[in-house]
Amino acid sequence: MKMLQRIFIGCLFIFFFTACSYITITPRSKRNIYRERPSTLLLEKIIEFRLEQLGWPRSKQDFMSKGRKYYQAFDGFKYHYTDFMIVDSNKMIFSFSHHSKDADPYIEPGLININSYQGHVKFYKVNDKFVWKLRMR
């Protein structure tokens, strides 16, 4: 029974990807994903911002406008889209996507790259200290 289920799922998977003409897959190795993650300096500056400003940044512009050290933290940041989702005063999720390598000018509009560089960082408080956990997809 499990063998039939696996065959059915495999056929469904193949059908799905051959029927859709707007999905692309770019092979990515774990080493490439590791290289394209945000710098630890930026993540530490976000925590420093929280401690100095007594609040999480609401956007990239808000973060960069509070001083030169915060502006310089985004130097070399290769992602075009960022989102700061504030959960409460001790938790925040920083999401990033649209890497410069994925923004190929020759790709037709409407194509979706399943394996594009993106991820999120969860900031939270443990024993009166802010920590972060990075997850790349």
N, C-alpha and C. Protein backbone atom coordinates (compact mmCIF):
# COMPACT_ATOMS: atom_id res chain seq x y z
N MET A 1 0.82 -1.20 0.00
CA MET A 1 0.00 0.00 0.00
C MET A 1 0.86 1.26 0.00
N LYS A 2 1.95 1.27 0.79
CA LYS A 2 2.82 2.44 0.85
C LYS A 2 3.54 2.63 -0.48
N MET A 3 3.85 1.55 -1.16
CA MET A 3 4.53 1.65 -2.45
C MET A 3 3.63 2.32 -3.48
N LEU A 4 2.34 1.98 -3.48
CA LEU A 4 1.39 2.61 -4.39
C LEU A 4 1.23 4.09 -4.07
N GLN A 5 1.23 4.40 -2.78
CA GLN A 5 1.12 5.79 -2.37
C GLN A 5 2.34 6.59 -2.82
N ARG A 6 3.53 6.03 -2.69
CA ARG A 6 4.74 6.71 -3.14
C ARG A 6 4.75 6.91 -4.64
N ILE A 7 4.31 5.90 -5.38
CA ILE A 7 4.25 6.03 -6.84
C ILE A 7 3.26 7.12 -7.23
N PHE A 8 2.10 7.14 -6.58
CA PHE A 8 1.09 8.16 -6.87
C PHE A 8 1.62 9.55 -6.57
N ILE A 9 2.27 9.74 -5.44
CA ILE A 9 2.82 11.05 -5.07
C ILE A 9 3.91 11.45 -6.05
N GLY A 10 4.75 10.50 -6.44
CA GLY A 10 5.81 10.79 -7.42
C GLY A 10 5.23 11.21 -8.76
N CYS A 11 4.20 10.50 -9.24
CA CYS A 11 3.56 10.87 -10.51
C CYS A 11 2.89 12.23 -10.40
N LEU A 12 2.26 12.50 -9.27
CA LEU A 12 1.61 13.80 -9.06
C LEU A 12 2.64 14.92 -9.04
N PHE A 13 3.77 14.67 -8.40
CA PHE A 13 4.86 15.65 -8.34
C PHE A 13 5.39 15.94 -9.75
N ILE A 14 5.64 14.91 -10.53
CA ILE A 14 6.14 15.09 -11.89
C ILE A 14 5.12 15.82 -12.74
N PHE A 15 3.86 15.46 -12.62
CA PHE A 15 2.81 16.13 -13.38
C PHE A 15 2.72 17.61 -13.02
N PHE A 16 2.81 17.91 -11.74
CA PHE A 16 2.71 19.30 -11.29
C PHE A 16 3.81 20.16 -11.89
N PHE A 17 5.04 19.66 -11.87
CA PHE A 17 6.15 20.47 -12.35
C PHE A 17 6.26 20.49 -13.87
N THR A 18 5.71 19.53 -14.56
CA THR A 18 5.73 19.59 -16.02
C THR A 18 4.55 20.37 -16.56
N ALA A 19 3.46 20.45 -15.81
CA ALA A 19 2.27 21.16 -16.28
C ALA A 19 2.41 22.66 -16.10
N CYS A 20 3.15 23.11 -15.12
CA CYS A 20 3.29 24.54 -14.85
C CYS A 20 4.48 25.08 -15.61
N SER A 21 4.27 26.17 -16.30
CA SER A 21 5.37 26.76 -17.07
C SER A 21 5.93 28.00 -16.39
N TYR A 22 5.50 28.31 -15.21
CA TYR A 22 5.95 29.53 -14.56
C TYR A 22 6.76 29.26 -13.29
N ILE A 23 7.20 28.04 -13.06
CA ILE A 23 7.99 27.70 -11.89
C ILE A 23 9.39 27.29 -12.34
N THR A 24 10.41 27.85 -11.71
CA THR A 24 11.79 27.46 -12.00
C THR A 24 12.45 27.00 -10.71
N ILE A 25 13.44 26.16 -10.87
CA ILE A 25 14.22 25.69 -9.72
C ILE A 25 15.69 25.93 -10.04
N THR A 26 16.36 26.67 -9.19
CA THR A 26 17.79 26.91 -9.33
C THR A 26 18.51 26.07 -8.28
N PRO A 27 19.38 25.17 -8.69
CA PRO A 27 20.06 24.35 -7.69
C PRO A 27 20.94 25.19 -6.77
N ARG A 28 20.83 24.95 -5.47
CA ARG A 28 21.62 25.66 -4.47
C ARG A 28 22.23 24.63 -3.52
N SER A 29 23.51 24.78 -3.25
CA SER A 29 24.16 23.90 -2.29
C SER A 29 24.10 24.54 -0.91
N LYS A 30 24.31 23.73 0.11
CA LYS A 30 24.30 24.27 1.48
C LYS A 30 25.41 25.28 1.67
N ARG A 31 26.52 25.10 1.00
CA ARG A 31 27.63 26.04 1.11
C ARG A 31 27.24 27.40 0.53
N ASN A 32 26.55 27.41 -0.62
CA ASN A 32 26.11 28.67 -1.21
C ASN A 32 25.11 29.37 -0.32
N ILE A 33 24.18 28.63 0.25
CA ILE A 33 23.19 29.21 1.16
C ILE A 33 23.88 29.80 2.38
N TYR A 34 24.90 29.10 2.91
CA TYR A 34 25.64 29.58 4.07
C TYR A 34 26.35 30.89 3.76
N ARG A 35 26.90 31.01 2.57
CA ARG A 35 27.62 32.23 2.18
C ARG A 35 26.70 33.43 2.02
N GLU A 36 25.45 33.20 1.65
CA GLU A 36 24.54 34.30 1.36
C GLU A 36 23.68 34.73 2.55
N ARG A 37 23.95 34.22 3.71
CA ARG A 37 23.17 34.63 4.87
C ARG A 37 23.62 36.02 5.34
N PRO A 38 22.77 36.74 6.05
CA PRO A 38 23.14 38.09 6.52
C PRO A 38 24.29 38.02 7.52
N SER A 39 25.02 39.11 7.61
CA SER A 39 26.17 39.15 8.51
C SER A 39 25.72 39.17 9.97
N THR A 40 26.55 38.62 10.82
CA THR A 40 26.25 38.63 12.25
C THR A 40 26.33 40.05 12.81
N LEU A 41 27.12 40.91 12.16
CA LEU A 41 27.19 42.31 12.58
C LEU A 41 25.82 42.99 12.48
N LEU A 42 25.12 42.74 11.39
CA LEU A 42 23.79 43.31 11.22
C LEU A 42 22.84 42.81 12.30
N LEU A 43 22.88 41.53 12.59
CA LEU A 43 21.98 40.96 13.59
C LEU A 43 22.30 41.49 14.99
N GLU A 44 23.56 41.67 15.29
CA GLU A 44 23.94 42.24 16.58
C GLU A 44 23.54 43.72 16.67
N LYS A 45 23.62 44.44 15.55
CA LYS A 45 23.20 45.85 15.55
C LYS A 45 21.69 45.98 15.76
N ILE A 46 20.92 45.00 15.27
CA ILE A 46 19.47 45.04 15.50
C ILE A 46 19.19 44.89 16.99
N ILE A 47 19.93 44.00 17.65
CA ILE A 47 19.77 43.84 19.10
C ILE A 47 20.22 45.11 19.83
N GLU A 48 21.32 45.70 19.37
CA GLU A 48 21.81 46.94 19.97
C GLU A 48 20.77 48.07 19.79
N PHE A 49 20.14 48.12 18.63
CA PHE A 49 19.08 49.10 18.38
C PHE A 49 17.95 48.92 19.39
N ARG A 50 17.56 47.67 19.63
CA ARG A 50 16.47 47.37 20.58
C ARG A 50 16.83 47.87 21.98
N LEU A 51 18.08 47.66 22.39
CA LEU A 51 18.49 48.07 23.73
C LEU A 51 18.62 49.58 23.87
N GLU A 52 19.11 50.26 22.84
CA GLU A 52 19.30 51.70 22.91
C GLU A 52 18.00 52.48 22.69
N GLN A 53 17.20 52.04 21.73
CA GLN A 53 15.99 52.78 21.37
C GLN A 53 14.76 52.31 22.16
N LEU A 54 14.91 51.25 22.95
CA LEU A 54 13.83 50.66 23.75
C LEU A 54 12.65 50.20 22.89
N GLY A 55 12.95 49.76 21.69
CA GLY A 55 11.93 49.25 20.78
C GLY A 55 12.59 48.67 19.54
N TRP A 56 11.88 47.78 18.90
CA TRP A 56 12.39 47.16 17.67
C TRP A 56 12.25 48.13 16.51
N PRO A 57 13.11 48.04 15.49
CA PRO A 57 12.92 48.88 14.31
C PRO A 57 11.66 48.46 13.55
N ARG A 58 10.98 49.42 12.98
CA ARG A 58 9.73 49.13 12.26
C ARG A 58 9.98 48.84 10.78
N SER A 59 11.09 49.34 10.25
CA SER A 59 11.43 49.11 8.85
C SER A 59 12.94 49.30 8.67
N LYS A 60 13.40 49.00 7.48
CA LYS A 60 14.81 49.18 7.18
C LYS A 60 15.18 50.66 7.24
N GLN A 61 14.30 51.52 6.75
CA GLN A 61 14.55 52.96 6.77
C GLN A 61 14.59 53.49 8.20
N ASP A 62 13.70 53.00 9.04
CA ASP A 62 13.69 53.41 10.45
C ASP A 62 14.99 53.00 11.12
N PHE A 63 15.46 51.80 10.83
CA PHE A 63 16.71 51.30 11.40
C PHE A 63 17.89 52.14 10.94
N MET A 64 17.96 52.41 9.65
CA MET A 64 19.12 53.12 9.10
C MET A 64 19.12 54.61 9.46
N SER A 65 17.97 55.17 9.78
CA SER A 65 17.90 56.60 10.08
C SER A 65 18.34 56.95 11.49
N LYS A 66 18.56 55.98 12.35
CA LYS A 66 18.89 56.26 13.75
C LYS A 66 20.37 56.47 14.01
N GLY A 67 21.19 56.38 12.99
CA GLY A 67 22.60 56.66 13.20
C GLY A 67 23.48 56.01 12.15
N ARG A 68 24.71 56.50 12.09
CA ARG A 68 25.65 56.01 11.08
C ARG A 68 26.01 54.54 11.29
N LYS A 69 26.13 54.10 12.55
CA LYS A 69 26.50 52.71 12.80
C LYS A 69 25.42 51.74 12.33
N TYR A 70 24.17 52.16 12.40
CA TYR A 70 23.08 51.32 11.90
C TYR A 70 23.03 51.35 10.38
N TYR A 71 23.33 52.49 9.80
CA TYR A 71 23.38 52.60 8.34
C TYR A 71 24.49 51.71 7.78
N GLN A 72 25.64 51.71 8.43
CA GLN A 72 26.77 50.92 7.96
C GLN A 72 26.55 49.42 8.17
N ALA A 73 25.67 49.04 9.08
CA ALA A 73 25.39 47.62 9.31
C ALA A 73 24.76 46.97 8.09
N PHE A 74 24.06 47.77 7.27
CA PHE A 74 23.42 47.24 6.06
C PHE A 74 24.34 47.26 4.85
N ASP A 75 25.59 47.72 5.01
CA ASP A 75 26.54 47.68 3.89
C ASP A 75 26.79 46.23 3.50
N GLY A 76 26.68 45.94 2.23
CA GLY A 76 26.91 44.59 1.75
C GLY A 76 25.71 43.66 1.89
N PHE A 77 24.59 44.18 2.34
CA PHE A 77 23.37 43.38 2.47
C PHE A 77 22.78 43.19 1.07
N LYS A 78 22.68 41.96 0.61
CA LYS A 78 22.35 41.68 -0.79
C LYS A 78 20.88 41.41 -1.05
N TYR A 79 20.04 41.61 -0.06
CA TYR A 79 18.61 41.33 -0.23
C TYR A 79 17.85 42.64 -0.45
N HIS A 80 16.92 42.64 -1.39
CA HIS A 80 16.18 43.85 -1.73
C HIS A 80 14.92 44.03 -0.89
N TYR A 81 14.39 42.95 -0.34
CA TYR A 81 13.15 43.04 0.44
C TYR A 81 13.43 42.65 1.89
N THR A 82 13.01 43.50 2.82
CA THR A 82 13.13 43.19 4.25
C THR A 82 11.80 43.49 4.92
N ASP A 83 11.54 42.75 5.99
CA ASP A 83 10.31 42.95 6.74
C ASP A 83 10.62 42.75 8.22
N PHE A 84 10.24 43.72 9.03
CA PHE A 84 10.41 43.64 10.47
C PHE A 84 9.02 43.41 11.08
N MET A 85 8.75 42.20 11.54
CA MET A 85 7.46 41.88 12.13
C MET A 85 7.63 41.83 13.66
N ILE A 86 7.09 42.82 14.33
CA ILE A 86 7.21 42.91 15.78
C ILE A 86 6.09 42.11 16.42
N VAL A 87 6.47 41.11 17.22
CA VAL A 87 5.48 40.29 17.92
C VAL A 87 5.10 40.96 19.23
N ASP A 88 6.09 41.26 20.04
CA ASP A 88 5.89 42.03 21.27
C ASP A 88 7.21 42.70 21.61
N SER A 89 7.34 43.25 22.81
CA SER A 89 8.55 43.99 23.15
C SER A 89 9.79 43.11 23.28
N ASN A 90 9.61 41.81 23.39
CA ASN A 90 10.75 40.90 23.53
C ASN A 90 10.95 39.98 22.33
N LYS A 91 10.06 40.02 21.35
CA LYS A 91 10.16 39.13 20.19
C LYS A 91 9.95 39.91 18.90
N MET A 92 10.75 39.55 17.90
CA MET A 92 10.61 40.14 16.58
C MET A 92 11.10 39.13 15.55
N ILE A 93 10.52 39.19 14.34
CA ILE A 93 10.95 38.33 13.23
C ILE A 93 11.38 39.25 12.10
N PHE A 94 12.63 39.09 11.67
CA PHE A 94 13.21 39.85 10.57
C PHE A 94 13.28 38.93 9.36
N SER A 95 12.51 39.23 8.32
CA SER A 95 12.48 38.42 7.11
C SER A 95 13.21 39.15 5.99
N PHE A 96 13.84 38.38 5.12
CA PHE A 96 14.55 38.95 3.98
C PHE A 96 14.40 38.02 2.78
N SER A 97 14.30 38.64 1.59
CA SER A 97 14.17 37.86 0.36
C SER A 97 14.58 38.74 -0.82
N HIS A 98 14.43 38.23 -2.03
CA HIS A 98 14.79 38.90 -3.28
C HIS A 98 16.28 39.23 -3.31
N HIS A 99 17.08 38.19 -3.29
CA HIS A 99 18.54 38.32 -3.35
C HIS A 99 18.94 38.90 -4.71
N SER A 100 20.05 39.61 -4.74
CA SER A 100 20.50 40.23 -5.99
C SER A 100 20.85 39.18 -7.05
N LYS A 101 21.27 37.98 -6.65
CA LYS A 101 21.54 36.91 -7.62
C LYS A 101 20.26 36.38 -8.23
N ASP A 102 19.15 36.47 -7.50
CA ASP A 102 17.87 35.98 -8.00
C ASP A 102 17.18 37.00 -8.90
N ALA A 103 17.62 38.24 -8.85
CA ALA A 103 16.99 39.30 -9.64
C ALA A 103 17.64 39.37 -11.02
N ASP A 104 17.45 38.36 -11.80
CA ASP A 104 18.01 38.29 -13.14
C ASP A 104 17.15 39.12 -14.09
N PRO A 105 17.73 40.08 -14.80
CA PRO A 105 16.90 40.92 -15.67
C PRO A 105 16.33 40.18 -16.87
N TYR A 106 16.85 39.00 -17.17
CA TYR A 106 16.37 38.27 -18.33
C TYR A 106 15.23 37.30 -18.01
N ILE A 107 14.88 37.18 -16.74
CA ILE A 107 13.78 36.30 -16.37
C ILE A 107 12.47 36.98 -16.70
N GLU A 108 11.57 36.23 -17.29
CA GLU A 108 10.27 36.77 -17.66
C GLU A 108 9.48 37.12 -16.39
N PRO A 109 8.67 38.16 -16.44
CA PRO A 109 7.82 38.47 -15.28
C PRO A 109 6.81 37.35 -15.07
N GLY A 110 6.55 37.06 -13.83
CA GLY A 110 5.60 36.01 -13.50
C GLY A 110 6.24 34.67 -13.19
N LEU A 111 7.53 34.52 -13.45
CA LEU A 111 8.21 33.27 -13.10
C LEU A 111 8.48 33.23 -11.61
N ILE A 112 8.32 32.08 -11.01
CA ILE A 112 8.55 31.90 -9.59
C ILE A 112 9.72 30.96 -9.41
N ASN A 113 10.74 31.39 -8.68
CA ASN A 113 11.89 30.55 -8.39
C ASN A 113 11.68 29.92 -7.02
N ILE A 114 11.45 28.62 -7.01
CA ILE A 114 11.16 27.92 -5.76
C ILE A 114 12.35 27.93 -4.82
N ASN A 115 13.53 27.88 -5.35
CA ASN A 115 14.74 27.74 -4.54
C ASN A 115 15.52 29.06 -4.47
N SER A 116 14.84 30.18 -4.34
CA SER A 116 15.53 31.46 -4.25
C SER A 116 16.09 31.66 -2.84
N TYR A 117 17.09 32.53 -2.74
CA TYR A 117 17.67 32.83 -1.44
C TYR A 117 16.68 33.67 -0.63
N GLN A 118 16.36 33.21 0.57
CA GLN A 118 15.49 33.95 1.47
C GLN A 118 15.58 33.32 2.85
N GLY A 119 15.06 34.00 3.83
CA GLY A 119 15.08 33.46 5.18
C GLY A 119 14.50 34.43 6.18
N HIS A 120 14.63 34.06 7.44
CA HIS A 120 14.15 34.92 8.51
C HIS A 120 15.01 34.71 9.76
N VAL A 121 14.99 35.72 10.60
CA VAL A 121 15.73 35.68 11.87
C VAL A 121 14.72 35.96 12.98
N LYS A 122 14.69 35.09 13.97
CA LYS A 122 13.82 35.30 15.12
C LYS A 122 14.66 35.85 16.26
N PHE A 123 14.24 36.98 16.77
CA PHE A 123 14.89 37.60 17.93
C PHE A 123 13.98 37.37 19.13
N TYR A 124 14.56 36.95 20.23
CA TYR A 124 13.78 36.72 21.44
C TYR A 124 14.69 36.87 22.66
N LYS A 125 14.08 36.90 23.82
CA LYS A 125 14.81 37.15 25.06
C LYS A 125 14.93 35.85 25.85
N VAL A 126 16.16 35.55 26.31
CA VAL A 126 16.42 34.38 27.15
C VAL A 126 17.27 34.85 28.33
N ASN A 127 16.73 34.69 29.53
CA ASN A 127 17.46 35.07 30.75
C ASN A 127 17.98 36.51 30.69
N ASP A 128 17.11 37.45 30.37
CA ASP A 128 17.44 38.88 30.32
C ASP A 128 18.49 39.23 29.27
N LYS A 129 18.62 38.40 28.24
CA LYS A 129 19.56 38.68 27.16
C LYS A 129 18.86 38.37 25.84
N PHE A 130 19.03 39.27 24.86
CA PHE A 130 18.43 39.05 23.55
C PHE A 130 19.34 38.15 22.72
N VAL A 131 18.73 37.17 22.08
CA VAL A 131 19.44 36.24 21.20
C VAL A 131 18.68 36.17 19.88
N TRP A 132 19.30 35.58 18.87
CA TRP A 132 18.66 35.44 17.57
C TRP A 132 18.92 34.05 17.02
N LYS A 133 18.01 33.63 16.15
CA LYS A 133 18.12 32.33 15.48
C LYS A 133 17.82 32.55 14.01
N LEU A 134 18.81 32.23 13.16
CA LEU A 134 18.72 32.44 11.73
C LEU A 134 18.26 31.17 11.04
N ARG A 135 17.34 31.31 10.10
CA ARG A 135 16.88 30.16 9.31
C ARG A 135 16.79 30.57 7.85
N MET A 136 17.57 29.90 7.01
CA MET A 136 17.54 30.14 5.56
C MET A 136 16.68 29.06 4.92
N ARG A 137 15.92 29.45 3.91
CA ARG A 137 15.11 28.47 3.18
C ARG A 137 15.75 28.13 1.89
